[in-house]
Amino acid sequence: MSELNATAAALLGLLHDGPKTGGQLVAEAGERFGAFFSVTRSQVYRELPALAENGLLRLGKQGPRSSQQYVLTAAGKKAFKSWLVSEPGPDHLRSPLILRLVHANSLTAKQRSALVTSAREAYTAELDAAKTAVKAAEDPYAKAVAEFGQAHVRAVLKLLDAIPVD
């Protein structure tokens, strides 16, 4: 594999803690970095066979309901480390909410109001989880990342508060 993409690197990083199935990887990705980096189920199941084919993972134990564990190989550890020390490149925000807000003029006033109201409710709940993550962070890197997640949620709430009510 010539160069890892961020999703592949995220999976290799999660597998440093031990073998996991695709479903476990999806769940853990959401817990560990869902506030700033989304990983979908389809991305995970597309990346795992490619990583195995390139020798960065090997198949582990077969689990219940045909779930398959994946184990990080020495080559996978090396590729992940190489990715970690490489230039990260630009960050790209992918927000379905902000994309909808950009196109909100295509909605009725009632639809715009519902969009903003439901987003505000979701992000208000997310703020509580972000505050908990900051308190639970044990090392300075995890704490800084958790604080970033909290600041992001606050920024989205500020954006929503700036939208005039129709």
C-alpha atoms as a PDB file:
ATOM      1  CA  MET A   1       0.000   0.000   0.000  1.00  0.00           C
ATOM      2  CA  SER A   2       1.680   3.192  -1.150  1.00  0.00           C
ATOM      3  CA  GLU A   3       0.025   5.734   1.107  1.00  0.00           C
ATOM      4  CA  LEU A   4      -2.572   5.325   3.829  1.00  0.00           C
ATOM      5  CA  ASN A   5      -5.701   7.413   3.740  1.00  0.00           C
ATOM      6  CA  ALA A   6      -6.952   8.838   7.024  1.00  0.00           C
ATOM      7  CA  THR A   7      -9.688   6.210   7.406  1.00  0.00           C
ATOM      8  CA  ALA A   8      -7.234   3.336   6.956  1.00  0.00           C
ATOM      9  CA  ALA A   9      -4.864   4.985   9.430  1.00  0.00           C
ATOM     10  CA  ALA A  10      -7.701   5.422  11.930  1.00  0.00           C
ATOM     11  CA  LEU A  11      -8.469   1.694  11.732  1.00  0.00           C
ATOM     12  CA  LEU A  12      -4.821   0.712  12.152  1.00  0.00           C
ATOM     13  CA  GLY A  13      -4.616   3.003  15.171  1.00  0.00           C
ATOM     14  CA  LEU A  14      -7.674   1.386  16.762  1.00  0.00           C
ATOM     15  CA  LEU A  15      -6.230  -2.076  16.152  1.00  0.00           C
ATOM     16  CA  HIS A  16      -3.143  -1.207  18.210  1.00  0.00           C
ATOM     17  CA  ASP A  17      -5.283  -2.033  21.256  1.00  0.00           C
ATOM     18  CA  GLY A  18      -5.889  -5.583  20.014  1.00  0.00           C
ATOM     19  CA  PRO A  19      -7.973  -7.572  17.502  1.00  0.00           C
ATOM     20  CA  LYS A  20     -11.408  -6.226  16.651  1.00  0.00           C
ATOM     21  CA  THR A  21     -14.244  -6.969  14.268  1.00  0.00           C
ATOM     22  CA  GLY A  22     -15.544  -4.431  11.770  1.00  0.00           C
ATOM     23  CA  GLY A  23     -18.531  -3.692  13.992  1.00  0.00           C
ATOM     24  CA  GLN A  24     -16.292  -3.124  17.001  1.00  0.00           C
ATOM     25  CA  LEU A  25     -14.115  -0.781  14.944  1.00  0.00           C
ATOM     26  CA  VAL A  26     -17.145   1.255  13.832  1.00  0.00           C
ATOM     27  CA  ALA A  27     -18.362   1.590  17.430  1.00  0.00           C
ATOM     28  CA  GLU A  28     -14.947   2.460  18.846  1.00  0.00           C
ATOM     29  CA  ALA A  29     -14.266   5.004  16.092  1.00  0.00           C
ATOM     30  CA  GLY A  30     -17.497   6.772  16.991  1.00  0.00           C
ATOM     31  CA  GLU A  31     -16.571   6.816  20.661  1.00  0.00           C
ATOM     32  CA  ARG A  32     -12.920   7.819  20.296  1.00  0.00           C
ATOM     33  CA  PHE A  33     -13.018  10.366  17.515  1.00  0.00           C
ATOM     34  CA  GLY A  34     -16.557  10.811  16.302  1.00  0.00           C
ATOM     35  CA  ALA A  35     -16.522  14.455  17.398  1.00  0.00           C
ATOM     36  CA  PHE A  36     -13.895  15.351  14.812  1.00  0.00           C
ATOM     37  CA  PHE A  37     -13.491  12.461  12.366  1.00  0.00           C
ATOM     38  CA  SER A  38     -16.354  10.373  11.053  1.00  0.00           C
ATOM     39  CA  VAL A  39     -15.906   6.779   9.980  1.00  0.00           C
ATOM     40  CA  THR A  40     -18.875   5.051   8.400  1.00  0.00           C
ATOM     41  CA  ARG A  41     -19.648   1.354   8.447  1.00  0.00           C
ATOM     42  CA  SER A  42     -19.246   1.191   4.665  1.00  0.00           C
ATOM     43  CA  GLN A  43     -15.811   2.845   4.862  1.00  0.00           C
ATOM     44  CA  VAL A  44     -14.670   0.340   7.489  1.00  0.00           C
ATOM     45  CA  TYR A  45     -15.844  -2.682   5.517  1.00  0.00           C
ATOM     46  CA  ARG A  46     -14.264  -1.304   2.339  1.00  0.00           C
ATOM     47  CA  GLU A  47     -10.889  -0.601   4.015  1.00  0.00           C
ATOM     48  CA  LEU A  48     -10.452  -3.820   6.019  1.00  0.00           C
ATOM     49  CA  PRO A  49     -10.049  -6.220   3.056  1.00  0.00           C
ATOM     50  CA  ALA A  50      -7.698  -3.767   1.309  1.00  0.00           C
ATOM     51  CA  LEU A  51      -5.553  -3.460   4.430  1.00  0.00           C
ATOM     52  CA  ALA A  52      -5.460  -7.251   4.783  1.00  0.00           C
ATOM     53  CA  GLU A  53      -4.626  -7.695   1.095  1.00  0.00           C
ATOM     54  CA  ASN A  54      -1.696  -5.322   1.533  1.00  0.00           C
ATOM     55  CA  GLY A  55      -0.393  -7.255   4.541  1.00  0.00           C
ATOM     56  CA  LEU A  56      -1.158  -4.552   7.101  1.00  0.00           C
ATOM     57  CA  LEU A  57      -3.775  -6.731   8.817  1.00  0.00           C
ATOM     58  CA  ARG A  58      -4.355 -10.443   9.071  1.00  0.00           C
ATOM     59  CA  LEU A  59      -7.535 -12.306   9.785  1.00  0.00           C
ATOM     60  CA  GLY A  60      -8.054 -13.239  13.406  1.00  0.00           C
ATOM     61  CA  LYS A  61     -10.684 -15.384  15.087  1.00  0.00           C
ATOM     62  CA  GLN A  62     -14.068 -15.928  13.491  1.00  0.00           C
ATOM     63  CA  GLY A  63     -16.720 -14.553  15.817  1.00  0.00           C
ATOM     64  CA  PRO A  64     -20.448 -15.065  16.233  1.00  0.00           C
ATOM     65  CA  ARG A  65     -22.741 -14.481  13.228  1.00  0.00           C
ATOM     66  CA  SER A  66     -19.772 -14.705  10.858  1.00  0.00           C
ATOM     67  CA  SER A  67     -18.050 -11.642  12.312  1.00  0.00           C
ATOM     68  CA  GLN A  68     -14.364 -11.549  11.486  1.00  0.00           C
ATOM     69  CA  GLN A  69     -11.647 -10.209  13.755  1.00  0.00           C
ATOM     70  CA  TYR A  70      -8.714  -8.345  12.247  1.00  0.00           C
ATOM     71  CA  VAL A  71      -5.243  -8.261  13.772  1.00  0.00           C
ATOM     72  CA  LEU A  72      -2.599  -5.611  13.146  1.00  0.00           C
ATOM     73  CA  THR A  73       0.606  -6.981  11.581  1.00  0.00           C
ATOM     74  CA  ALA A  74       4.157  -5.661  12.007  1.00  0.00           C
ATOM     75  CA  ALA A  75       3.836  -4.097   8.545  1.00  0.00           C
ATOM     76  CA  GLY A  76       0.591  -2.453   9.674  1.00  0.00           C
ATOM     77  CA  LYS A  77       2.292  -1.007  12.757  1.00  0.00           C
ATOM     78  CA  LYS A  78       5.101   0.320  10.569  1.00  0.00           C
ATOM     79  CA  ALA A  79       2.673   1.841   8.036  1.00  0.00           C
ATOM     80  CA  PHE A  80       0.675   3.480  10.831  1.00  0.00           C
ATOM     81  CA  LYS A  81       3.804   4.944  12.420  1.00  0.00           C
ATOM     82  CA  SER A  82       4.889   6.251   9.025  1.00  0.00           C
ATOM     83  CA  TRP A  83       1.480   7.862   8.556  1.00  0.00           C
ATOM     84  CA  LEU A  84       1.637   9.436  12.025  1.00  0.00           C
ATOM     85  CA  VAL A  85       4.929  11.207  11.333  1.00  0.00           C
ATOM     86  CA  SER A  86       4.000  12.329   7.795  1.00  0.00           C
ATOM     87  CA  GLU A  87       2.705  15.798   6.929  1.00  0.00           C
ATOM     88  CA  PRO A  88      -1.032  15.822   7.740  1.00  0.00           C
ATOM     89  CA  GLY A  89      -2.107  18.107   4.907  1.00  0.00           C
ATOM     90  CA  PRO A  90      -5.183  20.343   5.084  1.00  0.00           C
ATOM     91  CA  ASP A  91      -8.149  19.562   7.307  1.00  0.00           C
ATOM     92  CA  HIS A  92     -11.537  19.397   5.627  1.00  0.00           C
ATOM     93  CA  LEU A  93     -14.754  19.942   7.510  1.00  0.00           C
ATOM     94  CA  ARG A  94     -17.598  17.738   6.254  1.00  0.00           C
ATOM     95  CA  SER A  95     -20.777  18.783   7.990  1.00  0.00           C
ATOM     96  CA  PRO A  96     -24.121  17.623   6.629  1.00  0.00           C
ATOM     97  CA  LEU A  97     -25.786  20.262   8.838  1.00  0.00           C
ATOM     98  CA  ILE A  98     -23.742  23.146   7.467  1.00  0.00           C
ATOM     99  CA  LEU A  99     -24.296  21.891   3.927  1.00  0.00           C
ATOM    100  CA  ARG A 100     -28.050  21.957   4.587  1.00  0.00           C
ATOM    101  CA  LEU A 101     -27.790  25.462   6.052  1.00  0.00           C
ATOM    102  CA  VAL A 102     -25.965  26.663   2.931  1.00  0.00           C
ATOM    103  CA  HIS A 103     -28.986  25.502   0.916  1.00  0.00           C
ATOM    104  CA  ALA A 104     -31.643  26.495   3.455  1.00  0.00           C
ATOM    105  CA  ASN A 105     -33.202  29.019   1.068  1.00  0.00           C
ATOM    106  CA  SER A 106     -34.557  26.028  -0.850  1.00  0.00           C
ATOM    107  CA  LEU A 107     -36.657  25.122   2.195  1.00  0.00           C
ATOM    108  CA  THR A 108     -39.872  26.636   3.469  1.00  0.00           C
ATOM    109  CA  ALA A 109     -39.721  28.797   6.584  1.00  0.00           C
ATOM    110  CA  LYS A 110     -41.265  25.940   8.568  1.00  0.00           C
ATOM    111  CA  GLN A 111     -38.667  23.451   7.241  1.00  0.00           C
ATOM    112  CA  ARG A 112     -35.797  25.858   8.031  1.00  0.00           C
ATOM    113  CA  SER A 113     -37.125  26.356  11.537  1.00  0.00           C
ATOM    114  CA  ALA A 114     -37.432  22.591  12.061  1.00  0.00           C
ATOM    115  CA  LEU A 115     -33.883  22.056  10.761  1.00  0.00           C
ATOM    116  CA  VAL A 116     -32.416  24.642  13.134  1.00  0.00           C
ATOM    117  CA  THR A 117     -34.523  23.498  16.099  1.00  0.00           C
ATOM    118  CA  SER A 118     -33.624  19.826  15.711  1.00  0.00           C
ATOM    119  CA  ALA A 119     -29.944  20.662  15.174  1.00  0.00           C
ATOM    120  CA  ARG A 120     -29.910  22.863  18.276  1.00  0.00           C
ATOM    121  CA  GLU A 121     -31.469  20.047  20.348  1.00  0.00           C
ATOM    122  CA  ALA A 122     -28.953  17.500  19.047  1.00  0.00           C
ATOM    123  CA  TYR A 123     -25.947  19.755  19.604  1.00  0.00           C
ATOM    124  CA  THR A 124     -27.145  20.774  23.074  1.00  0.00           C
ATOM    125  CA  ALA A 125     -27.207  17.085  24.025  1.00  0.00           C
ATOM    126  CA  GLU A 126     -23.826  16.619  22.345  1.00  0.00           C
ATOM    127  CA  LEU A 127     -22.406  19.446  24.471  1.00  0.00           C
ATOM    128  CA  ASP A 128     -23.148  17.443  27.621  1.00  0.00           C
ATOM    129  CA  ALA A 129     -21.260  14.462  26.190  1.00  0.00           C
ATOM    130  CA  ALA A 130     -18.372  16.721  25.172  1.00  0.00           C
ATOM    131  CA  LYS A 131     -18.119  18.154  28.690  1.00  0.00           C
ATOM    132  CA  THR A 132     -18.029  14.613  30.090  1.00  0.00           C
ATOM    133  CA  ALA A 133     -15.259  13.675  27.632  1.00  0.00           C
ATOM    134  CA  VAL A 134     -13.162  16.650  28.775  1.00  0.00           C
ATOM    135  CA  LYS A 135     -13.532  15.609  32.418  1.00  0.00           C
ATOM    136  CA  ALA A 136     -12.701  11.968  31.609  1.00  0.00           C
ATOM    137  CA  ALA A 137      -9.584  12.712  29.543  1.00  0.00           C
ATOM    138  CA  GLU A 138      -6.531  11.313  31.281  1.00  0.00           C
ATOM    139  CA  ASP A 139      -3.551  12.613  29.305  1.00  0.00           C
ATOM    140  CA  PRO A 140      -2.857  16.088  27.896  1.00  0.00           C
ATOM    141  CA  TYR A 141      -3.365  15.002  24.266  1.00  0.00           C
ATOM    142  CA  ALA A 142      -6.719  13.355  24.967  1.00  0.00           C
ATOM    143  CA  LYS A 143      -7.762  16.386  27.022  1.00  0.00           C
ATOM    144  CA  ALA A 144      -6.800  18.827  24.252  1.00  0.00           C
ATOM    145  CA  VAL A 145      -8.721  16.773  21.683  1.00  0.00           C
ATOM    146  CA  ALA A 146     -11.754  16.553  23.983  1.00  0.00           C
ATOM    147  CA  GLU A 147     -11.619  20.327  24.510  1.00  0.00           C
ATOM    148  CA  PHE A 148     -11.508  20.777  20.735  1.00  0.00           C
ATOM    149  CA  GLY A 149     -14.624  18.613  20.423  1.00  0.00           C
ATOM    150  CA  GLN A 150     -16.354  20.734  23.050  1.00  0.00           C
ATOM    151  CA  ALA A 151     -15.317  23.971  21.316  1.00  0.00           C
ATOM    152  CA  HIS A 152     -16.609  22.621  17.998  1.00  0.00           C
ATOM    153  CA  VAL A 153     -20.008  21.859  19.500  1.00  0.00           C
ATOM    154  CA  ARG A 154     -20.126  25.330  21.061  1.00  0.00           C
ATOM    155  CA  ALA A 155     -19.221  26.867  17.675  1.00  0.00           C
ATOM    156  CA  VAL A 156     -22.070  25.033  15.951  1.00  0.00           C
ATOM    157  CA  LEU A 157     -24.487  26.186  18.647  1.00  0.00           C
ATOM    158  CA  LYS A 158     -23.221  29.753  18.158  1.00  0.00           C
ATOM    159  CA  LEU A 159     -23.809  29.384  14.399  1.00  0.00           C
ATOM    160  CA  LEU A 160     -27.353  28.176  15.036  1.00  0.00           C
ATOM    161  CA  ASP A 161     -27.997  31.065  17.444  1.00  0.00           C
ATOM    162  CA  ALA A 162     -26.896  33.532  14.733  1.00  0.00           C
ATOM    163  CA  ILE A 163     -29.568  32.322  12.307  1.00  0.00           C
ATOM    164  CA  PRO A 164     -32.601  34.619  12.344  1.00  0.00           C
ATOM    165  CA  VAL A 165     -35.907  33.011  13.162  1.00  0.00           C
ATOM    166  CA  ASP A 166     -38.335  33.226  10.204  1.00  0.00           C
END
